[in-house]
PDB file of N, CA and C in Angstrom:
ATOM      1  N   MET A   1       8.173  -4.395  11.645  1.00  0.00           N
ATOM      2  CA  MET A   1       9.787  -4.714  11.028  1.00  0.00           C
ATOM      3  C   MET A   1      10.437  -4.207  11.350  1.00  0.00           C
ATOM      4  N   PRO A   2      10.718  -3.293  11.838  1.00  0.00           N
ATOM      5  CA  PRO A   2      12.000  -2.468  11.640  1.00  0.00           C
ATOM      6  C   PRO A   2      13.054  -1.828  10.799  1.00  0.00           C
ATOM      7  N   GLY A   3      13.846  -1.226  10.123  1.00  0.00           N
ATOM      8  CA  GLY A   3      14.731  -2.240   9.059  1.00  0.00           C
ATOM      9  C   GLY A   3      14.201  -2.650   7.830  1.00  0.00           C
ATOM     10  N   GLY A   4      13.425  -1.755   7.536  1.00  0.00           N
ATOM     11  CA  GLY A   4      12.805  -2.887   5.864  1.00  0.00           C
ATOM     12  C   GLY A   4      13.304  -1.990   5.110  1.00  0.00           C
ATOM     13  N   THR A   5      13.521  -2.099   4.345  1.00  0.00           N
ATOM     14  CA  THR A   5      14.231  -1.616   2.956  1.00  0.00           C
ATOM     15  C   THR A   5      12.725  -0.686   2.335  1.00  0.00           C
ATOM     16  N   GLY A   6      11.357  -1.074   2.970  1.00  0.00           N
ATOM     17  CA  GLY A   6      10.626  -0.073   1.706  1.00  0.00           C
ATOM     18  C   GLY A   6      10.147  -0.665   0.103  1.00  0.00           C
ATOM     19  N   LEU A   7      10.718  -1.482   0.362  1.00  0.00           N
ATOM     20  CA  LEU A   7      10.775  -2.045  -1.017  1.00  0.00           C
ATOM     21  C   LEU A   7       8.917  -2.927  -1.724  1.00  0.00           C
ATOM     22  N   GLY A   8       8.617  -4.099  -0.123  1.00  0.00           N
ATOM     23  CA  GLY A   8       8.288  -4.593  -0.523  1.00  0.00           C
ATOM     24  C   GLY A   8       6.413  -3.255  -0.863  1.00  0.00           C
ATOM     25  N   LEU A   9       6.934  -2.235  -0.122  1.00  0.00           N
ATOM     26  CA  LEU A   9       5.992  -1.535  -0.119  1.00  0.00           C
ATOM     27  C   LEU A   9       5.493  -0.892  -2.117  1.00  0.00           C
ATOM     28  N   TYR A  10       6.993  -0.790  -2.457  1.00  0.00           N
ATOM     29  CA  TYR A  10       6.618  -0.258  -3.572  1.00  0.00           C
ATOM     30  C   TYR A  10       6.263  -1.571  -4.932  1.00  0.00           C
ATOM     31  N   VAL A  11       6.929  -2.642  -4.086  1.00  0.00           N
ATOM     32  CA  VAL A  11       5.939  -3.498  -5.474  1.00  0.00           C
ATOM     33  C   VAL A  11       4.503  -3.715  -4.893  1.00  0.00           C
ATOM     34  N   ALA A  12       3.756  -3.559  -3.587  1.00  0.00           N
ATOM     35  CA  ALA A  12       2.316  -4.158  -3.347  1.00  0.00           C
ATOM     36  C   ALA A  12       1.504  -2.629  -4.387  1.00  0.00           C
ATOM     37  N   ARG A  13       2.473  -1.590  -4.811  1.00  0.00           N
ATOM     38  CA  ARG A  13       1.785  -0.129  -5.347  1.00  0.00           C
ATOM     39  C   ARG A  13       2.093  -0.578  -6.876  1.00  0.00           C
ATOM     40  N   GLN A  14       3.199  -1.140  -7.258  1.00  0.00           N
ATOM     41  CA  GLN A  14       2.926  -1.225  -8.895  1.00  0.00           C
ATOM     42  C   GLN A  14       1.963  -1.809  -9.199  1.00  0.00           C
ATOM     43  N   ILE A  15       1.615  -3.022  -8.275  1.00  0.00           N
ATOM     44  CA  ILE A  15       0.755  -4.247  -8.511  1.00  0.00           C
ATOM     45  C   ILE A  15      -0.644  -3.430  -8.425  1.00  0.00           C
ATOM     46  N   VAL A  16      -0.836  -2.818  -7.550  1.00  0.00           N
ATOM     47  CA  VAL A  16      -2.237  -1.995  -7.487  1.00  0.00           C
ATOM     48  C   VAL A  16      -2.573  -0.737  -8.892  1.00  0.00           C
ATOM     49  N   GLN A  17      -1.267  -0.514  -8.415  1.00  0.00           N
ATOM     50  CA  GLN A  17      -1.650   0.790  -9.830  1.00  0.00           C
ATOM     51  C   GLN A  17      -1.617   0.071 -11.316  1.00  0.00           C
ATOM     52  N   ALA A  18      -1.164  -0.970 -11.456  1.00  0.00           N
ATOM     53  CA  ALA A  18      -1.854  -2.118 -12.951  1.00  0.00           C
ATOM     54  C   ALA A  18      -3.314  -2.502 -12.919  1.00  0.00           C
ATOM     55  N   HIS A  19      -3.332  -2.581 -12.049  1.00  0.00           N
ATOM     56  CA  HIS A  19      -5.334  -2.895 -11.610  1.00  0.00           C
ATOM     57  C   HIS A  19      -5.802  -1.905 -11.573  1.00  0.00           C
ATOM     58  N   ASP A  20      -5.480  -0.344 -11.894  1.00  0.00           N
ATOM     59  CA  ASP A  20      -6.355   0.756 -11.299  1.00  0.00           C
ATOM     60  C   ASP A  20      -6.418   0.841 -10.176  1.00  0.00           C
ATOM     61  N   GLY A  21      -5.645   0.620  -9.131  1.00  0.00           N
ATOM     62  CA  GLY A  21      -6.240   0.633  -8.063  1.00  0.00           C
ATOM     63  C   GLY A  21      -5.614   2.194  -7.668  1.00  0.00           C
ATOM     64  N   LYS A  22      -5.484   2.167  -5.958  1.00  0.00           N
ATOM     65  CA  LYS A  22      -4.800   2.815  -5.399  1.00  0.00           C
ATOM     66  C   LYS A  22      -4.351   2.592  -3.639  1.00  0.00           C
ATOM     67  N   LEU A  23      -3.254   2.669  -2.803  1.00  0.00           N
ATOM     68  CA  LEU A  23      -2.573   2.907  -2.560  1.00  0.00           C
ATOM     69  C   LEU A  23      -1.947   3.622  -1.344  1.00  0.00           C
ATOM     70  N   TRP A  24      -2.417   4.014  -0.287  1.00  0.00           N
ATOM     71  CA  TRP A  24      -2.154   5.295   0.196  1.00  0.00           C
ATOM     72  C   TRP A  24      -2.114   5.404   1.807  1.00  0.00           C
ATOM     73  N   LEU A  25      -0.976   5.894   1.639  1.00  0.00           N
ATOM     74  CA  LEU A  25      -0.631   6.054   3.636  1.00  0.00           C
ATOM     75  C   LEU A  25      -1.674   6.989   4.309  1.00  0.00           C
ATOM     76  N   ALA A  26      -2.557   5.827   5.395  1.00  0.00           N
ATOM     77  CA  ALA A  26      -3.968   6.868   5.840  1.00  0.00           C
ATOM     78  C   ALA A  26      -2.949   7.073   7.407  1.00  0.00           C
ATOM     79  N   GLU A  27      -2.925   6.276   8.577  1.00  0.00           N
ATOM     80  CA  GLU A  27      -2.087   6.570   9.897  1.00  0.00           C
ATOM     81  C   GLU A  27      -0.844   6.367   9.230  1.00  0.00           C
ATOM     82  N   HIS A  28      -0.187   7.078  10.715  1.00  0.00           N
ATOM     83  CA  HIS A  28       1.461   6.900  10.740  1.00  0.00           C
ATOM     84  C   HIS A  28       1.923   7.402  12.104  1.00  0.00           C
ATOM     85  N   GLY A  29       2.019   6.002  13.262  1.00  0.00           N
ATOM     86  CA  GLY A  29       2.278   6.552  14.698  1.00  0.00           C
ATOM     87  C   GLY A  29       3.253   5.547  15.178  1.00  0.00           C
ATOM     88  N   PRO A  30       3.183   5.336  16.374  1.00  0.00           N
ATOM     89  CA  PRO A  30       4.451   5.017  17.303  1.00  0.00           C
ATOM     90  C   PRO A  30       3.967   3.580  17.098  1.00  0.00           C
ATOM     91  N   ASP A  31       3.143   2.927  16.698  1.00  0.00           N
ATOM     92  CA  ASP A  31       3.061   1.436  16.907  1.00  0.00           C
ATOM     93  C   ASP A  31       2.538   0.660  15.104  1.00  0.00           C
ATOM     94  N   GLY A  32       3.222   1.568  14.506  1.00  0.00           N
ATOM     95  CA  GLY A  32       3.546   1.340  13.067  1.00  0.00           C
ATOM     96  C   GLY A  32       2.858   2.316  12.520  1.00  0.00           C
ATOM     97  N   CYS A  33       2.524   1.879  10.148  1.00  0.00           N
ATOM     98  CA  CYS A  33       1.795   2.075   9.881  1.00  0.00           C
ATOM     99  C   CYS A  33       0.304   1.587   9.391  1.00  0.00           C
ATOM    100  N   THR A  34      -0.374   2.147   8.984  1.00  0.00           N
ATOM    101  CA  THR A  34      -1.909   1.684   8.545  1.00  0.00           C
ATOM    102  C   THR A  34      -1.876   2.153   6.833  1.00  0.00           C
ATOM    103  N   PHE A  35      -2.187   1.696   5.757  1.00  0.00           N
ATOM    104  CA  PHE A  35      -2.498   1.724   4.795  1.00  0.00           C
ATOM    105  C   PHE A  35      -3.745   1.876   3.848  1.00  0.00           C
ATOM    106  N   ILE A  36      -4.420   2.154   2.979  1.00  0.00           N
ATOM    107  CA  ILE A  36      -5.641   1.974   2.681  1.00  0.00           C
ATOM    108  C   ILE A  36      -5.558   1.257   1.519  1.00  0.00           C
ATOM    109  N   LEU A  37      -6.386   0.529   0.663  1.00  0.00           N
ATOM    110  CA  LEU A  37      -5.838  -0.155  -0.368  1.00  0.00           C
ATOM    111  C   LEU A  37      -7.271   0.059  -1.476  1.00  0.00           C
ATOM    112  N   THR A  38      -7.116   0.853  -2.350  1.00  0.00           N
ATOM    113  CA  THR A  38      -8.630   0.366  -3.394  1.00  0.00           C
ATOM    114  C   THR A  38      -7.980  -0.561  -4.718  1.00  0.00           C
ATOM    115  N   LEU A  39      -9.166  -1.122  -5.025  1.00  0.00           N
ATOM    116  CA  LEU A  39      -9.756  -2.451  -6.571  1.00  0.00           C
ATOM    117  C   LEU A  39     -10.831  -1.679  -7.293  1.00  0.00           C
ATOM    118  N   PRO A  40     -11.366  -0.966  -8.128  1.00  0.00           N
ATOM    119  CA  PRO A  40     -12.578  -1.161  -8.945  1.00  0.00           C
ATOM    120  C   PRO A  40     -13.027  -2.261  -9.344  1.00  0.00           C
ATOM    121  N   THR A  41     -14.057  -2.904  -8.920  1.00  0.00           N
ATOM    122  CA  THR A  41     -15.107  -3.498  -9.222  1.00  0.00           C
ATOM    123  C   THR A  41     -15.020  -3.749 -10.871  1.00  0.00           C
ATOM    124  N   VAL A  42     -15.409  -5.088 -10.734  1.00  0.00           N
ATOM    125  CA  VAL A  42     -15.431  -6.251 -12.309  1.00  0.00           C
ATOM    126  C   VAL A  42     -17.069  -6.156 -12.394  1.00  0.00           C
ATOM    127  N   ALA A  43     -17.755  -5.374 -13.493  1.00  0.00           N
ATOM    128  CA  ALA A  43     -18.894  -5.546 -13.629  1.00  0.00           C
ATOM    129  C   ALA A  43     -19.047  -6.661 -14.746  1.00  0.00           C
TER     130      ALA A  43
END
């Protein structure tokens, strides 16, 4: 979706970080971006 503000990505990252996870850009290509999200497991 071209023309986005990036606010959704910011909010997603804040939520992930609040749960001790990580969110990062893995790939940026002509068809869009791929992001990786990791969250710790609960034992």
